[in-house]
PDB file of N, CA and C in Angstrom:
ATOM      1  N   MET A   1      -9.869  16.370  -7.557  1.00  0.00           N
ATOM      2  CA  MET A   1      -8.998  15.249  -7.285  1.00  0.00           C
ATOM      3  C   MET A   1      -9.039  14.201  -8.169  1.00  0.00           C
ATOM      4  N   SER A   2      -7.514  14.076  -8.451  1.00  0.00           N
ATOM      5  CA  SER A   2      -7.034  13.332  -9.339  1.00  0.00           C
ATOM      6  C   SER A   2      -6.702  11.947  -9.013  1.00  0.00           C
ATOM      7  N   LYS A   3      -7.337  11.141  -8.300  1.00  0.00           N
ATOM      8  CA  LYS A   3      -6.921   9.488  -7.904  1.00  0.00           C
ATOM      9  C   LYS A   3      -6.521   8.754  -8.702  1.00  0.00           C
ATOM     10  N   SER A   4      -5.237   8.481  -8.472  1.00  0.00           N
ATOM     11  CA  SER A   4      -4.383   7.361  -9.692  1.00  0.00           C
ATOM     12  C   SER A   4      -5.126   5.711  -9.337  1.00  0.00           C
ATOM     13  N   TRP A   5      -4.972   5.371 -10.356  1.00  0.00           N
ATOM     14  CA  TRP A   5      -5.352   3.781 -10.484  1.00  0.00           C
ATOM     15  C   TRP A   5      -4.341   3.020 -10.003  1.00  0.00           C
ATOM     16  N   ASN A   6      -4.402   1.754  -9.402  1.00  0.00           N
ATOM     17  CA  ASN A   6      -3.008   1.395  -8.925  1.00  0.00           C
ATOM     18  C   ASN A   6      -2.834   0.478 -10.654  1.00  0.00           C
ATOM     19  N   LYS A   7      -3.757   0.404 -11.698  1.00  0.00           N
ATOM     20  CA  LYS A   7      -3.382  -0.403 -13.029  1.00  0.00           C
ATOM     21  C   LYS A   7      -4.153   0.518 -13.685  1.00  0.00           C
ATOM     22  N   GLY A   8      -3.436   1.112 -14.700  1.00  0.00           N
ATOM     23  CA  GLY A   8      -4.075   1.909 -15.863  1.00  0.00           C
ATOM     24  C   GLY A   8      -4.817   1.153 -16.666  1.00  0.00           C
ATOM     25  N   VAL A   9      -5.642   1.591 -17.726  1.00  0.00           N
ATOM     26  CA  VAL A   9      -6.494   1.089 -18.392  1.00  0.00           C
ATOM     27  C   VAL A   9      -6.106   1.582 -19.970  1.00  0.00           C
ATOM     28  N   THR A  10      -5.595   0.624 -20.762  1.00  0.00           N
ATOM     29  CA  THR A  10      -5.201   0.995 -21.969  1.00  0.00           C
ATOM     30  C   THR A  10      -6.153   0.543 -23.187  1.00  0.00           C
ATOM     31  N   LEU A  11      -6.547   1.705 -23.721  1.00  0.00           N
ATOM     32  CA  LEU A  11      -7.767   1.125 -24.456  1.00  0.00           C
ATOM     33  C   LEU A  11      -7.601   1.810 -25.853  1.00  0.00           C
ATOM     34  N   ALA A  12      -8.364   1.266 -27.216  1.00  0.00           N
ATOM     35  CA  ALA A  12      -8.209   1.993 -28.528  1.00  0.00           C
ATOM     36  C   ALA A  12      -9.221   2.859 -28.178  1.00  0.00           C
ATOM     37  N   LEU A  13      -9.088   4.186 -27.664  1.00  0.00           N
ATOM     38  CA  LEU A  13     -10.102   5.066 -27.841  1.00  0.00           C
ATOM     39  C   LEU A  13      -9.903   5.909 -28.898  1.00  0.00           C
ATOM     40  N   GLU A  14      -9.231   6.146 -29.585  1.00  0.00           N
ATOM     41  CA  GLU A  14      -9.081   7.033 -30.941  1.00  0.00           C
ATOM     42  C   GLU A  14      -9.286   6.239 -32.099  1.00  0.00           C
ATOM     43  N   GLY A  15      -9.362   5.171 -32.355  1.00  0.00           N
ATOM     44  CA  GLY A  15      -9.392   4.274 -33.394  1.00  0.00           C
ATOM     45  C   GLY A  15      -8.723   2.848 -32.882  1.00  0.00           C
ATOM     46  N   PRO A  16      -9.166   1.909 -34.092  1.00  0.00           N
ATOM     47  CA  PRO A  16      -8.570   0.332 -34.048  1.00  0.00           C
ATOM     48  C   PRO A  16      -6.997   0.504 -34.041  1.00  0.00           C
ATOM     49  N   ALA A  17      -6.233   0.118 -33.319  1.00  0.00           N
ATOM     50  CA  ALA A  17      -4.909   0.008 -32.866  1.00  0.00           C
ATOM     51  C   ALA A  17      -4.012   1.468 -32.593  1.00  0.00           C
ATOM     52  N   GLN A  18      -5.026   2.584 -31.791  1.00  0.00           N
ATOM     53  CA  GLN A  18      -4.486   3.876 -31.542  1.00  0.00           C
ATOM     54  C   GLN A  18      -4.951   3.700 -29.843  1.00  0.00           C
ATOM     55  N   PHE A  19      -3.883   3.047 -29.280  1.00  0.00           N
ATOM     56  CA  PHE A  19      -4.205   2.449 -27.707  1.00  0.00           C
ATOM     57  C   PHE A  19      -3.808   4.016 -26.904  1.00  0.00           C
ATOM     58  N   THR A  20      -4.378   4.106 -25.723  1.00  0.00           N
ATOM     59  CA  THR A  20      -4.185   5.097 -25.029  1.00  0.00           C
ATOM     60  C   THR A  20      -4.405   4.617 -23.550  1.00  0.00           C
ATOM     61  N   THR A  21      -3.484   5.092 -22.424  1.00  0.00           N
ATOM     62  CA  THR A  21      -3.774   4.648 -21.341  1.00  0.00           C
ATOM     63  C   THR A  21      -4.361   5.863 -20.206  1.00  0.00           C
ATOM     64  N   ILE A  22      -5.460   5.062 -19.656  1.00  0.00           N
ATOM     65  CA  ILE A  22      -5.949   5.895 -18.571  1.00  0.00           C
ATOM     66  C   ILE A  22      -5.570   5.429 -17.726  1.00  0.00           C
ATOM     67  N   THR A  23      -5.139   6.664 -16.614  1.00  0.00           N
ATOM     68  CA  THR A  23      -5.041   6.028 -15.219  1.00  0.00           C
ATOM     69  C   THR A  23      -5.294   6.912 -14.010  1.00  0.00           C
ATOM     70  N   THR A  24      -5.905   7.932 -14.169  1.00  0.00           N
ATOM     71  CA  THR A  24      -6.567   8.579 -13.285  1.00  0.00           C
ATOM     72  C   THR A  24      -8.060   8.744 -13.486  1.00  0.00           C
ATOM     73  N   ILE A  25      -8.576   8.861 -12.478  1.00  0.00           N
ATOM     74  CA  ILE A  25     -10.078   8.920 -12.226  1.00  0.00           C
ATOM     75  C   ILE A  25     -10.695  10.449 -13.248  1.00  0.00           C
ATOM     76  N   GLN A  26     -10.011  10.967 -13.126  1.00  0.00           N
ATOM     77  CA  GLN A  26     -10.168  12.441 -14.051  1.00  0.00           C
ATOM     78  C   GLN A  26     -10.039  12.431 -15.340  1.00  0.00           C
ATOM     79  N   GLU A  27      -9.044  11.460 -15.656  1.00  0.00           N
ATOM     80  CA  GLU A  27      -8.542  11.324 -16.916  1.00  0.00           C
ATOM     81  C   GLU A  27      -9.972  10.181 -17.597  1.00  0.00           C
ATOM     82  N   ALA A  28     -10.356   9.598 -16.821  1.00  0.00           N
ATOM     83  CA  ALA A  28     -11.511   8.540 -17.236  1.00  0.00           C
ATOM     84  C   ALA A  28     -12.551   9.148 -17.312  1.00  0.00           C
ATOM     85  N   SER A  29     -13.022  10.221 -16.450  1.00  0.00           N
ATOM     86  CA  SER A  29     -14.015  11.343 -16.697  1.00  0.00           C
ATOM     87  C   SER A  29     -14.427  12.133 -18.232  1.00  0.00           C
ATOM     88  N   TRP A  30     -12.800  12.643 -18.175  1.00  0.00           N
ATOM     89  CA  TRP A  30     -13.124  13.388 -19.658  1.00  0.00           C
ATOM     90  C   TRP A  30     -13.330  12.298 -20.574  1.00  0.00           C
ATOM     91  N   ALA A  31     -12.464  11.181 -20.858  1.00  0.00           N
ATOM     92  CA  ALA A  31     -12.586  10.460 -21.789  1.00  0.00           C
ATOM     93  C   ALA A  31     -14.017   9.976 -22.227  1.00  0.00           C
ATOM     94  N   LEU A  32     -14.573   9.625 -21.103  1.00  0.00           N
ATOM     95  CA  LEU A  32     -16.138   9.433 -21.141  1.00  0.00           C
ATOM     96  C   LEU A  32     -17.059  10.755 -21.603  1.00  0.00           C
ATOM     97  N   ILE A  33     -16.712  11.656 -21.198  1.00  0.00           N
ATOM     98  CA  ILE A  33     -17.450  12.942 -21.406  1.00  0.00           C
ATOM     99  C   ILE A  33     -16.998  13.442 -23.399  1.00  0.00           C
ATOM    100  N   GLU A  34     -15.814  13.533 -23.184  1.00  0.00           N
ATOM    101  CA  GLU A  34     -15.131  14.160 -24.643  1.00  0.00           C
ATOM    102  C   GLU A  34     -15.125  13.057 -25.837  1.00  0.00           C
ATOM    103  N   ASP A  35     -14.512  12.035 -25.579  1.00  0.00           N
ATOM    104  CA  ASP A  35     -13.940  11.079 -26.760  1.00  0.00           C
ATOM    105  C   ASP A  35     -15.055   9.727 -27.000  1.00  0.00           C
ATOM    106  N   TRP A  36     -15.989   9.656 -26.024  1.00  0.00           N
ATOM    107  CA  TRP A  36     -16.541   8.661 -25.976  1.00  0.00           C
ATOM    108  C   TRP A  36     -17.105   8.191 -27.040  1.00  0.00           C
ATOM    109  N   PRO A  37     -17.032   7.228 -27.863  1.00  0.00           N
ATOM    110  CA  PRO A  37     -18.119   7.049 -29.229  1.00  0.00           C
ATOM    111  C   PRO A  37     -19.505   6.711 -29.364  1.00  0.00           C
ATOM    112  N   ILE A  38     -19.865   6.410 -27.922  1.00  0.00           N
ATOM    113  CA  ILE A  38     -21.350   6.277 -28.102  1.00  0.00           C
ATOM    114  C   ILE A  38     -21.730   7.530 -26.877  1.00  0.00           C
ATOM    115  N   GLU A  39     -23.248   8.208 -26.881  1.00  0.00           N
ATOM    116  CA  GLU A  39     -23.306   9.232 -26.275  1.00  0.00           C
ATOM    117  C   GLU A  39     -24.577   8.339 -25.076  1.00  0.00           C
ATOM    118  N   GLU A  40     -25.105   7.328 -25.179  1.00  0.00           N
ATOM    119  CA  GLU A  40     -25.919   6.822 -24.443  1.00  0.00           C
ATOM    120  C   GLU A  40     -25.788   5.431 -23.866  1.00  0.00           C
ATOM    121  N   GLY A  41     -26.154   4.734 -23.017  1.00  0.00           N
ATOM    122  CA  GLY A  41     -25.736   3.588 -22.641  1.00  0.00           C
ATOM    123  C   GLY A  41     -25.921   3.186 -20.979  1.00  0.00           C
ATOM    124  N   GLU A  42     -26.014   1.897 -20.490  1.00  0.00           N
ATOM    125  CA  GLU A  42     -26.337   1.849 -19.285  1.00  0.00           C
ATOM    126  C   GLU A  42     -25.021   1.782 -18.613  1.00  0.00           C
ATOM    127  N   ALA A  43     -24.145   1.002 -19.056  1.00  0.00           N
ATOM    128  CA  ALA A  43     -22.800   1.191 -18.388  1.00  0.00           C
ATOM    129  C   ALA A  43     -22.103   2.741 -18.322  1.00  0.00           C
ATOM    130  N   LEU A  44     -22.149   3.205 -19.691  1.00  0.00           N
ATOM    131  CA  LEU A  44     -21.569   4.746 -19.703  1.00  0.00           C
ATOM    132  C   LEU A  44     -22.559   5.827 -18.650  1.00  0.00           C
ATOM    133  N   ASP A  45     -23.430   5.651 -18.468  1.00  0.00           N
ATOM    134  CA  ASP A  45     -24.022   6.189 -17.383  1.00  0.00           C
ATOM    135  C   ASP A  45     -23.581   5.778 -15.870  1.00  0.00           C
ATOM    136  N   ARG A  46     -23.470   4.434 -15.592  1.00  0.00           N
ATOM    137  CA  ARG A  46     -23.043   3.828 -14.433  1.00  0.00           C
ATOM    138  C   ARG A  46     -21.789   4.581 -14.052  1.00  0.00           C
ATOM    139  N   ALA A  47     -20.903   4.725 -15.110  1.00  0.00           N
ATOM    140  CA  ALA A  47     -19.436   4.666 -14.947  1.00  0.00           C
ATOM    141  C   ALA A  47     -19.410   6.193 -14.650  1.00  0.00           C
ATOM    142  N   LEU A  48     -20.151   7.198 -15.425  1.00  0.00           N
ATOM    143  CA  LEU A  48     -20.079   8.700 -15.004  1.00  0.00           C
ATOM    144  C   LEU A  48     -20.566   8.966 -13.312  1.00  0.00           C
ATOM    145  N   ILE A  49     -21.372   8.185 -13.141  1.00  0.00           N
ATOM    146  CA  ILE A  49     -22.072   8.554 -11.680  1.00  0.00           C
ATOM    147  C   ILE A  49     -20.783   7.581 -10.519  1.00  0.00           C
ATOM    148  N   VAL A  50     -20.185   6.242 -10.976  1.00  0.00           N
ATOM    149  CA  VAL A  50     -19.232   5.892  -9.983  1.00  0.00           C
ATOM    150  C   VAL A  50     -17.848   6.902 -10.118  1.00  0.00           C
ATOM    151  N   LEU A  51     -17.849   7.248 -11.101  1.00  0.00           N
ATOM    152  CA  LEU A  51     -16.213   8.240 -11.025  1.00  0.00           C
ATOM    153  C   LEU A  51     -16.940   9.357 -10.494  1.00  0.00           C
ATOM    154  N   GLU A  52     -17.782   9.963 -10.519  1.00  0.00           N
ATOM    155  CA  GLU A  52     -17.766  11.267  -9.606  1.00  0.00           C
ATOM    156  C   GLU A  52     -18.079  11.189  -8.149  1.00  0.00           C
ATOM    157  N   ASP A  53     -18.601   9.542  -7.446  1.00  0.00           N
ATOM    158  CA  ASP A  53     -18.689   9.316  -6.527  1.00  0.00           C
ATOM    159  C   ASP A  53     -17.252   8.901  -6.033  1.00  0.00           C
ATOM    160  N   ALA A  54     -16.398   8.340  -6.858  1.00  0.00           N
ATOM    161  CA  ALA A  54     -14.865   8.343  -6.476  1.00  0.00           C
ATOM    162  C   ALA A  54     -14.231   9.802  -6.325  1.00  0.00           C
ATOM    163  N   MET A  55     -14.283  10.810  -6.951  1.00  0.00           N
ATOM    164  CA  MET A  55     -13.990  11.718  -7.005  1.00  0.00           C
ATOM    165  C   MET A  55     -14.264  12.772  -5.523  1.00  0.00           C
ATOM    166  N   LYS A  56     -15.417  12.063  -5.285  1.00  0.00           N
ATOM    167  CA  LYS A  56     -16.065  12.605  -3.715  1.00  0.00           C
ATOM    168  C   LYS A  56     -15.711  12.029  -2.721  1.00  0.00           C
ATOM    169  N   GLY A  57     -15.011  10.541  -2.838  1.00  0.00           N
ATOM    170  CA  GLY A  57     -14.771   9.457  -2.298  1.00  0.00           C
ATOM    171  C   GLY A  57     -15.352   8.785  -1.699  1.00  0.00           C
ATOM    172  N   LYS A  58     -16.386   8.694  -2.052  1.00  0.00           N
ATOM    173  CA  LYS A  58     -17.966   8.086  -1.798  1.00  0.00           C
ATOM    174  C   LYS A  58     -17.958   6.481  -2.640  1.00  0.00           C
ATOM    175  N   LYS A  59     -16.944   6.582  -3.765  1.00  0.00           N
ATOM    176  CA  LYS A  59     -16.495   5.161  -3.719  1.00  0.00           C
ATOM    177  C   LYS A  59     -15.329   4.934  -4.321  1.00  0.00           C
ATOM    178  N   SER A  60     -14.723   3.879  -4.228  1.00  0.00           N
ATOM    179  CA  SER A  60     -13.074   3.598  -4.395  1.00  0.00           C
ATOM    180  C   SER A  60     -12.530   3.749  -5.751  1.00  0.00           C
ATOM    181  N   ALA A  61     -11.620   4.023  -5.805  1.00  0.00           N
ATOM    182  CA  ALA A  61     -11.038   4.065  -7.034  1.00  0.00           C
ATOM    183  C   ALA A  61     -10.809   2.954  -8.171  1.00  0.00           C
ATOM    184  N   GLU A  62     -10.838   1.650  -7.344  1.00  0.00           N
ATOM    185  CA  GLU A  62     -11.109   0.725  -7.809  1.00  0.00           C
ATOM    186  C   GLU A  62     -12.581   0.154  -8.963  1.00  0.00           C
ATOM    187  N   ALA A  63     -13.671   0.884  -7.853  1.00  0.00           N
ATOM    188  CA  ALA A  63     -14.923   0.548  -8.264  1.00  0.00           C
ATOM    189  C   ALA A  63     -15.140   1.704  -9.606  1.00  0.00           C
ATOM    190  N   ALA A  64     -14.082   2.377  -9.310  1.00  0.00           N
ATOM    191  CA  ALA A  64     -14.492   3.692 -10.707  1.00  0.00           C
ATOM    192  C   ALA A  64     -13.705   3.222 -11.973  1.00  0.00           C
ATOM    193  N   ARG A  65     -12.527   2.382 -11.583  1.00  0.00           N
ATOM    194  CA  ARG A  65     -11.506   1.575 -12.617  1.00  0.00           C
ATOM    195  C   ARG A  65     -12.580   0.418 -13.364  1.00  0.00           C
ATOM    196  N   LEU A  66     -13.151  -0.021 -12.712  1.00  0.00           N
ATOM    197  CA  LEU A  66     -13.983  -1.459 -13.127  1.00  0.00           C
ATOM    198  C   LEU A  66     -15.317  -0.630 -13.870  1.00  0.00           C
ATOM    199  N   ALA A  67     -15.870   0.544 -13.226  1.00  0.00           N
ATOM    200  CA  ALA A  67     -17.416   1.048 -14.199  1.00  0.00           C
ATOM    201  C   ALA A  67     -16.669   1.242 -15.523  1.00  0.00           C
ATOM    202  N   PHE A  68     -15.481   2.090 -15.468  1.00  0.00           N
ATOM    203  CA  PHE A  68     -14.794   2.423 -17.008  1.00  0.00           C
ATOM    204  C   PHE A  68     -14.685   1.435 -17.821  1.00  0.00           C
ATOM    205  N   ILE A  69     -14.277   0.198 -17.139  1.00  0.00           N
ATOM    206  CA  ILE A  69     -13.808  -0.718 -17.824  1.00  0.00           C
ATOM    207  C   ILE A  69     -15.305  -1.501 -18.970  1.00  0.00           C
ATOM    208  N   ALA A  70     -16.262  -1.587 -17.744  1.00  0.00           N
ATOM    209  CA  ALA A  70     -17.543  -1.956 -18.320  1.00  0.00           C
ATOM    210  C   ALA A  70     -18.120  -1.232 -19.321  1.00  0.00           C
ATOM    211  N   ALA A  71     -18.204   0.249 -19.315  1.00  0.00           N
ATOM    212  CA  ALA A  71     -18.630   1.336 -20.329  1.00  0.00           C
ATOM    213  C   ALA A  71     -17.627   1.226 -21.516  1.00  0.00           C
ATOM    214  N   ALA A  72     -16.413   0.521 -21.288  1.00  0.00           N
ATOM    215  CA  ALA A  72     -15.577   0.543 -22.321  1.00  0.00           C
ATOM    216  C   ALA A  72     -16.021  -0.644 -23.355  1.00  0.00           C
ATOM    217  N   HIS A  73     -16.398  -1.748 -22.606  1.00  0.00           N
ATOM    218  CA  HIS A  73     -16.944  -3.239 -23.111  1.00  0.00           C
ATOM    219  C   HIS A  73     -18.554  -2.768 -23.801  1.00  0.00           C
ATOM    220  N   GLU A  74     -19.080  -1.875 -23.357  1.00  0.00           N
ATOM    221  CA  GLU A  74     -20.559  -1.663 -23.745  1.00  0.00           C
ATOM    222  C   GLU A  74     -20.192  -1.059 -25.203  1.00  0.00           C
ATOM    223  N   ALA A  75     -19.314   0.076 -25.291  1.00  0.00           N
ATOM    224  CA  ALA A  75     -19.009   0.965 -26.432  1.00  0.00           C
ATOM    225  C   ALA A  75     -18.042   0.450 -27.294  1.00  0.00           C
ATOM    226  N   GLY A  76     -17.898  -0.976 -27.073  1.00  0.00           N
ATOM    227  CA  GLY A  76     -17.107  -1.841 -28.253  1.00  0.00           C
ATOM    228  C   GLY A  76     -15.756  -1.582 -28.354  1.00  0.00           C
ATOM    229  N   ILE A  77     -15.069  -0.940 -27.308  1.00  0.00           N
ATOM    230  CA  ILE A  77     -13.677  -0.293 -27.383  1.00  0.00           C
ATOM    231  C   ILE A  77     -12.487  -1.522 -26.745  1.00  0.00           C
ATOM    232  N   ASP A  78     -11.804  -1.540 -27.856  1.00  0.00           N
ATOM    233  CA  ASP A  78     -10.623  -2.668 -27.263  1.00  0.00           C
ATOM    234  C   ASP A  78      -9.915  -2.472 -26.519  1.00  0.00           C
ATOM    235  N   ILE A  79      -9.497  -3.341 -25.338  1.00  0.00           N
ATOM    236  CA  ILE A  79      -8.862  -3.020 -24.213  1.00  0.00           C
ATOM    237  C   ILE A  79      -7.756  -3.972 -24.327  1.00  0.00           C
ATOM    238  N   LYS A  80      -6.619  -3.138 -24.117  1.00  0.00           N
ATOM    239  CA  LYS A  80      -5.384  -4.169 -23.713  1.00  0.00           C
ATOM    240  C   LYS A  80      -5.162  -4.503 -22.307  1.00  0.00           C
ATOM    241  N   ASP A  81      -4.834  -6.003 -22.145  1.00  0.00           N
ATOM    242  CA  ASP A  81      -4.699  -6.459 -20.367  1.00  0.00           C
ATOM    243  C   ASP A  81      -2.993  -5.807 -20.462  1.00  0.00           C
TER     244      ASP A  81
END
């Protein structure tokens, strides 16, 4: 399932000033697994769990979005509003 968020998350995932917009739970999951600059962290672990739960319909898409943002803050990734 690829639930879309009401508001995408635009972040510098590939380096400073190289912004990418993540708009779905699946895109966020792939970003955390494939492109994330850190491999361990509490917010990262929580985001992976919440994203999985959201894909299964156990958590809301917004909860997944907020967990993803928290993981980005933990990793020191710049986010555009």
